[in-house]
Amino acid sequence: METPPNGLPVYRVLTGPDDVAFCRRVSEALAMGYRLHEGPSVTFDGDRVIVAQAVVWPGAGDTAAT
């Protein structure tokens, strides 16, 4: 598949509390074919840990120079 399903963008940032629901959302994106873009960002809002993980569609914007 050349583009993500359901009209989703090629670049997405998933955010939320560091819990099972967040991990499932990232896992679902990976199962669709997205790939992780670098590592997650993590912060603490005074009450809970908040995570952000960028995912990209394979081949989207690949312009790596060799």
PDB file of N, CA and C in Angstrom:
ATOM      1  N   MET A   1       0.844  -1.170   0.000  1.00  0.00           N
ATOM      2  CA  MET A   1       0.000   0.000   0.000  1.00  0.00           C
ATOM      3  C   MET A   1       0.896   1.240   0.000  1.00  0.00           C
ATOM      4  N   GLU A   2       0.646   2.144  -0.921  1.00  0.00           N
ATOM      5  CA  GLU A   2       1.496   3.326  -1.059  1.00  0.00           C
ATOM      6  C   GLU A   2       1.146   4.437  -0.083  1.00  0.00           C
ATOM      7  N   THR A   3      -0.091   4.505   0.327  1.00  0.00           N
ATOM      8  CA  THR A   3      -0.520   5.539   1.262  1.00  0.00           C
ATOM      9  C   THR A   3      -1.221   4.886   2.446  1.00  0.00           C
ATOM     10  N   PRO A   4      -1.275   5.572   3.565  1.00  0.00           N
ATOM     11  CA  PRO A   4      -1.939   5.009   4.742  1.00  0.00           C
ATOM     12  C   PRO A   4      -3.431   4.770   4.474  1.00  0.00           C
ATOM     13  N   PRO A   5      -4.018   3.810   5.170  1.00  0.00           N
ATOM     14  CA  PRO A   5      -5.446   3.531   4.998  1.00  0.00           C
ATOM     15  C   PRO A   5      -6.323   4.624   5.602  1.00  0.00           C
ATOM     16  N   ASN A   6      -7.555   4.642   5.170  1.00  0.00           N
ATOM     17  CA  ASN A   6      -8.594   5.515   5.756  1.00  0.00           C
ATOM     18  C   ASN A   6      -8.260   6.998   5.680  1.00  0.00           C
ATOM     19  N   GLY A   7      -7.436   7.401   4.716  1.00  0.00           N
ATOM     20  CA  GLY A   7      -7.098   8.812   4.568  1.00  0.00           C
ATOM     21  C   GLY A   7      -6.223   9.371   5.672  1.00  0.00           C
ATOM     22  N   LEU A   8      -5.588   8.500   6.446  1.00  0.00           N
ATOM     23  CA  LEU A   8      -4.709   8.971   7.521  1.00  0.00           C
ATOM     24  C   LEU A   8      -3.480   9.645   6.924  1.00  0.00           C
ATOM     25  N   PRO A   9      -2.886  10.595   7.645  1.00  0.00           N
ATOM     26  CA  PRO A   9      -1.682  11.270   7.142  1.00  0.00           C
ATOM     27  C   PRO A   9      -0.472  10.348   7.209  1.00  0.00           C
ATOM     28  N   VAL A  10       0.553  10.674   6.430  1.00  0.00           N
ATOM     29  CA  VAL A  10       1.767   9.856   6.425  1.00  0.00           C
ATOM     30  C   VAL A  10       2.598  10.068   7.686  1.00  0.00           C
ATOM     31  N   TYR A  11       2.409  11.183   8.358  1.00  0.00           N
ATOM     32  CA  TYR A  11       3.126  11.480   9.599  1.00  0.00           C
ATOM     33  C   TYR A  11       2.094  11.728  10.685  1.00  0.00           C
ATOM     34  N   ARG A  12       2.237  11.021  11.785  1.00  0.00           N
ATOM     35  CA  ARG A  12       1.305  11.189  12.906  1.00  0.00           C
ATOM     36  C   ARG A  12       2.086  11.265  14.206  1.00  0.00           C
ATOM     37  N   VAL A  13       1.581  12.041  15.143  1.00  0.00           N
ATOM     38  CA  VAL A  13       2.135  12.071  16.498  1.00  0.00           C
ATOM     39  C   VAL A  13       1.027  11.610  17.435  1.00  0.00           C
ATOM     40  N   LEU A  14       1.262  10.513  18.080  1.00  0.00           N
ATOM     41  CA  LEU A  14       0.306   9.958  19.037  1.00  0.00           C
ATOM     42  C   LEU A  14       0.717  10.434  20.420  1.00  0.00           C
ATOM     43  N   THR A  15      -0.233  10.929  21.185  1.00  0.00           N
ATOM     44  CA  THR A  15       0.068  11.437  22.520  1.00  0.00           C
ATOM     45  C   THR A  15      -0.949  10.922  23.523  1.00  0.00           C
ATOM     46  N   GLY A  16      -0.549  10.908  24.774  1.00  0.00           N
ATOM     47  CA  GLY A  16      -1.476  10.537  25.829  1.00  0.00           C
ATOM     48  C   GLY A  16      -0.747  10.068  27.060  1.00  0.00           C
ATOM     49  N   PRO A  17      -1.521   9.748  28.096  1.00  0.00           N
ATOM     50  CA  PRO A  17      -0.917   9.204  29.310  1.00  0.00           C
ATOM     51  C   PRO A  17      -0.215   7.886  28.988  1.00  0.00           C
ATOM     52  N   ASP A  18       0.859   7.610  29.707  1.00  0.00           N
ATOM     53  CA  ASP A  18       1.598   6.367  29.508  1.00  0.00           C
ATOM     54  C   ASP A  18       0.815   5.230  30.159  1.00  0.00           C
ATOM     55  N   ASP A  19      -0.127   4.686  29.386  1.00  0.00           N
ATOM     56  CA  ASP A  19      -0.964   3.610  29.899  1.00  0.00           C
ATOM     57  C   ASP A  19      -1.221   2.579  28.799  1.00  0.00           C
ATOM     58  N   VAL A  20      -2.008   1.586  29.110  1.00  0.00           N
ATOM     59  CA  VAL A  20      -2.307   0.513  28.162  1.00  0.00           C
ATOM     60  C   VAL A  20      -2.985   1.057  26.912  1.00  0.00           C
ATOM     61  N   ALA A  21      -3.873   2.016  27.054  1.00  0.00           N
ATOM     62  CA  ALA A  21      -4.584   2.574  25.898  1.00  0.00           C
ATOM     63  C   ALA A  21      -3.604   3.241  24.928  1.00  0.00           C
ATOM     64  N   PHE A  22      -2.640   3.979  25.452  1.00  0.00           N
ATOM     65  CA  PHE A  22      -1.645   4.612  24.592  1.00  0.00           C
ATOM     66  C   PHE A  22      -0.819   3.552  23.867  1.00  0.00           C
ATOM     67  N   CYS A  23      -0.368   2.546  24.599  1.00  0.00           N
ATOM     68  CA  CYS A  23       0.437   1.478  23.994  1.00  0.00           C
ATOM     69  C   CYS A  23      -0.354   0.758  22.908  1.00  0.00           C
ATOM     70  N   ARG A  24      -1.641   0.567  23.115  1.00  0.00           N
ATOM     71  CA  ARG A  24      -2.488  -0.069  22.087  1.00  0.00           C
ATOM     72  C   ARG A  24      -2.572   0.807  20.841  1.00  0.00           C
ATOM     73  N   ARG A  25      -2.699   2.121  21.019  1.00  0.00           N
ATOM     74  CA  ARG A  25      -2.779   3.021  19.856  1.00  0.00           C
ATOM     75  C   ARG A  25      -1.507   2.956  19.028  1.00  0.00           C
ATOM     76  N   VAL A  26      -0.359   2.942  19.697  1.00  0.00           N
ATOM     77  CA  VAL A  26       0.908   2.824  18.970  1.00  0.00           C
ATOM     78  C   VAL A  26       0.985   1.458  18.296  1.00  0.00           C
ATOM     79  N   SER A  27       0.606   0.404  19.007  1.00  0.00           N
ATOM     80  CA  SER A  27       0.631  -0.948  18.438  1.00  0.00           C
ATOM     81  C   SER A  27      -0.291  -1.058  17.222  1.00  0.00           C
ATOM     82  N   GLU A  28      -1.449  -0.432  17.272  1.00  0.00           N
ATOM     83  CA  GLU A  28      -2.372  -0.450  16.135  1.00  0.00           C
ATOM     84  C   GLU A  28      -1.771   0.262  14.928  1.00  0.00           C
ATOM     85  N   ALA A  29      -1.091   1.379  15.169  1.00  0.00           N
ATOM     86  CA  ALA A  29      -0.447   2.102  14.069  1.00  0.00           C
ATOM     87  C   ALA A  29       0.641   1.235  13.440  1.00  0.00           C
ATOM     88  N   LEU A  30       1.411   0.539  14.260  1.00  0.00           N
ATOM     89  CA  LEU A  30       2.455  -0.346  13.745  1.00  0.00           C
ATOM     90  C   LEU A  30       1.834  -1.498  12.952  1.00  0.00           C
ATOM     91  N   ALA A  31       0.736  -2.041  13.438  1.00  0.00           N
ATOM     92  CA  ALA A  31       0.056  -3.137  12.736  1.00  0.00           C
ATOM     93  C   ALA A  31      -0.492  -2.684  11.387  1.00  0.00           C
ATOM     94  N   MET A  32      -0.872  -1.409  11.276  1.00  0.00           N
ATOM     95  CA  MET A  32      -1.357  -0.852  10.003  1.00  0.00           C
ATOM     96  C   MET A  32      -0.237  -0.712   8.989  1.00  0.00           C
ATOM     97  N   GLY A  33       1.005  -0.626   9.484  1.00  0.00           N
ATOM     98  CA  GLY A  33       2.140  -0.463   8.578  1.00  0.00           C
ATOM     99  C   GLY A  33       3.003   0.742   8.863  1.00  0.00           C
ATOM    100  N   TYR A  34       2.602   1.582   9.828  1.00  0.00           N
ATOM    101  CA  TYR A  34       3.437   2.717  10.211  1.00  0.00           C
ATOM    102  C   TYR A  34       4.717   2.212  10.863  1.00  0.00           C
ATOM    103  N   ARG A  35       5.731   3.053  10.868  1.00  0.00           N
ATOM    104  CA  ARG A  35       6.991   2.756  11.543  1.00  0.00           C
ATOM    105  C   ARG A  35       7.269   3.850  12.567  1.00  0.00           C
ATOM    106  N   LEU A  36       7.938   3.467  13.643  1.00  0.00           N
ATOM    107  CA  LEU A  36       8.310   4.458  14.651  1.00  0.00           C
ATOM    108  C   LEU A  36       9.289   5.458  14.051  1.00  0.00           C
ATOM    109  N   HIS A  37       9.113   6.719  14.406  1.00  0.00           N
ATOM    110  CA  HIS A  37      10.060   7.756  13.995  1.00  0.00           C
ATOM    111  C   HIS A  37      10.816   8.195  15.237  1.00  0.00           C
ATOM    112  N   GLU A  38      12.022   7.677  15.384  1.00  0.00           N
ATOM    113  CA  GLU A  38      12.867   7.939  16.548  1.00  0.00           C
ATOM    114  C   GLU A  38      12.175   7.453  17.820  1.00  0.00           C
ATOM    115  N   GLY A  39      12.679   7.869  18.949  1.00  0.00           N
ATOM    116  CA  GLY A  39      12.133   7.423  20.222  1.00  0.00           C
ATOM    117  C   GLY A  39      11.007   8.322  20.705  1.00  0.00           C
ATOM    118  N   PRO A  40      10.327   7.911  21.746  1.00  0.00           N
ATOM    119  CA  PRO A  40       9.234   8.715  22.282  1.00  0.00           C
ATOM    120  C   PRO A  40       9.757   9.912  23.077  1.00  0.00           C
ATOM    121  N   SER A  41       8.884  10.883  23.243  1.00  0.00           N
ATOM    122  CA  SER A  41       9.136  11.995  24.165  1.00  0.00           C
ATOM    123  C   SER A  41       8.273  11.751  25.388  1.00  0.00           C
ATOM    124  N   VAL A  42       8.824  12.026  26.556  1.00  0.00           N
ATOM    125  CA  VAL A  42       8.122  11.754  27.803  1.00  0.00           C
ATOM    126  C   VAL A  42       8.214  12.983  28.690  1.00  0.00           C
ATOM    127  N   THR A  43       7.097  13.311  29.339  1.00  0.00           N
ATOM    128  CA  THR A  43       7.081  14.414  30.295  1.00  0.00           C
ATOM    129  C   THR A  43       6.171  14.037  31.455  1.00  0.00           C
ATOM    130  N   PHE A  44       6.211  14.825  32.482  1.00  0.00           N
ATOM    131  CA  PHE A  44       5.365  14.616  33.657  1.00  0.00           C
ATOM    132  C   PHE A  44       4.548  15.875  33.865  1.00  0.00           C
ATOM    133  N   ASP A  45       3.235  15.744  33.943  1.00  0.00           N
ATOM    134  CA  ASP A  45       2.362  16.915  34.074  1.00  0.00           C
ATOM    135  C   ASP A  45       2.016  17.253  35.524  1.00  0.00           C
ATOM    136  N   GLY A  46       2.749  16.678  36.453  1.00  0.00           N
ATOM    137  CA  GLY A  46       2.476  16.914  37.873  1.00  0.00           C
ATOM    138  C   GLY A  46       1.578  15.862  38.477  1.00  0.00           C
ATOM    139  N   ASP A  47       0.938  15.080  37.602  1.00  0.00           N
ATOM    140  CA  ASP A  47       0.026  14.039  38.062  1.00  0.00           C
ATOM    141  C   ASP A  47       0.349  12.687  37.437  1.00  0.00           C
ATOM    142  N   ARG A  48       0.748  12.721  36.158  1.00  0.00           N
ATOM    143  CA  ARG A  48       0.991  11.468  35.437  1.00  0.00           C
ATOM    144  C   ARG A  48       2.030  11.676  34.342  1.00  0.00           C
ATOM    145  N   VAL A  49       2.562  10.578  33.857  1.00  0.00           N
ATOM    146  CA  VAL A  49       3.522  10.603  32.759  1.00  0.00           C
ATOM    147  C   VAL A  49       2.750  10.705  31.446  1.00  0.00           C
ATOM    148  N   ILE A  50       3.159  11.648  30.587  1.00  0.00           N
ATOM    149  CA  ILE A  50       2.554  11.850  29.269  1.00  0.00           C
ATOM    150  C   ILE A  50       3.605  11.492  28.228  1.00  0.00           C
ATOM    151  N   VAL A  51       3.171  10.743  27.205  1.00  0.00           N
ATOM    152  CA  VAL A  51       4.087  10.258  26.179  1.00  0.00           C
ATOM    153  C   VAL A  51       3.647  10.762  24.809  1.00  0.00           C
ATOM    154  N   ALA A  52       4.607  11.021  23.939  1.00  0.00           N
ATOM    155  CA  ALA A  52       4.352  11.346  22.534  1.00  0.00           C
ATOM    156  C   ALA A  52       5.240  10.452  21.688  1.00  0.00           C
ATOM    157  N   GLN A  53       4.648   9.831  20.669  1.00  0.00           N
ATOM    158  CA  GLN A  53       5.416   8.988  19.760  1.00  0.00           C
ATOM    159  C   GLN A  53       5.026   9.321  18.326  1.00  0.00           C
ATOM    160  N   ALA A  54       6.009   9.715  17.534  1.00  0.00           N
ATOM    161  CA  ALA A  54       5.763   9.974  16.118  1.00  0.00           C
ATOM    162  C   ALA A  54       5.871   8.670  15.340  1.00  0.00           C
ATOM    163  N   VAL A  55       4.977   8.520  14.361  1.00  0.00           N
ATOM    164  CA  VAL A  55       5.019   7.379  13.450  1.00  0.00           C
ATOM    165  C   VAL A  55       4.935   7.909  12.029  1.00  0.00           C
ATOM    166  N   VAL A  56       5.587   7.216  11.104  1.00  0.00           N
ATOM    167  CA  VAL A  56       5.572   7.617   9.698  1.00  0.00           C
ATOM    168  C   VAL A  56       5.235   6.419   8.827  1.00  0.00           C
ATOM    169  N   TRP A  57       4.635   6.716   7.700  1.00  0.00           N
ATOM    170  CA  TRP A  57       4.312   5.691   6.722  1.00  0.00           C
ATOM    171  C   TRP A  57       5.574   5.378   5.923  1.00  0.00           C
ATOM    172  N   PRO A  58       5.912   4.100   5.735  1.00  0.00           N
ATOM    173  CA  PRO A  58       7.129   3.736   5.014  1.00  0.00           C
ATOM    174  C   PRO A  58       7.177   4.366   3.616  1.00  0.00           C
ATOM    175  N   GLY A  59       8.322   4.925   3.284  1.00  0.00           N
ATOM    176  CA  GLY A  59       8.514   5.512   1.964  1.00  0.00           C
ATOM    177  C   GLY A  59       8.047   6.948   1.837  1.00  0.00           C
ATOM    178  N   ALA A  60       7.311   7.429   2.824  1.00  0.00           N
ATOM    179  CA  ALA A  60       6.793   8.803   2.779  1.00  0.00           C
ATOM    180  C   ALA A  60       7.930   9.784   2.947  1.00  0.00           C
ATOM    181  N   GLY A  61       8.192  10.561   1.921  1.00  0.00           N
ATOM    182  CA  GLY A  61       9.209  11.596   2.017  1.00  0.00           C
ATOM    183  C   GLY A  61      10.628  11.087   2.093  1.00  0.00           C
ATOM    184  N   ASP A  62      10.848   9.835   1.706  1.00  0.00           N
ATOM    185  CA  ASP A  62      12.212   9.307   1.733  1.00  0.00           C
ATOM    186  C   ASP A  62      13.068  10.039   0.713  1.00  0.00           C
ATOM    187  N   THR A  63      13.954  10.875   1.229  1.00  0.00           N
ATOM    188  CA  THR A  63      14.874  11.602   0.355  1.00  0.00           C
ATOM    189  C   THR A  63      16.281  11.503   0.917  1.00  0.00           C
ATOM    190  N   ALA A  64      16.559  10.413   1.607  1.00  0.00           N
ATOM    191  CA  ALA A  64      17.865  10.255   2.248  1.00  0.00           C
ATOM    192  C   ALA A  64      18.973  10.265   1.210  1.00  0.00           C
ATOM    193  N   ALA A  65      19.969  11.082   1.492  1.00  0.00           N
ATOM    194  CA  ALA A  65      21.129  11.142   0.612  1.00  0.00           C
ATOM    195  C   ALA A  65      22.113  10.061   0.997  1.00  0.00           C
ATOM    196  N   THR A  66      22.764   9.472   0.013  1.00  0.00           N
ATOM    197  CA  THR A  66      23.753   8.432   0.314  1.00  0.00           C
ATOM    198  C   THR A  66      25.136   8.908  -0.034  1.00  0.00           C
TER     199      THR A  66
END
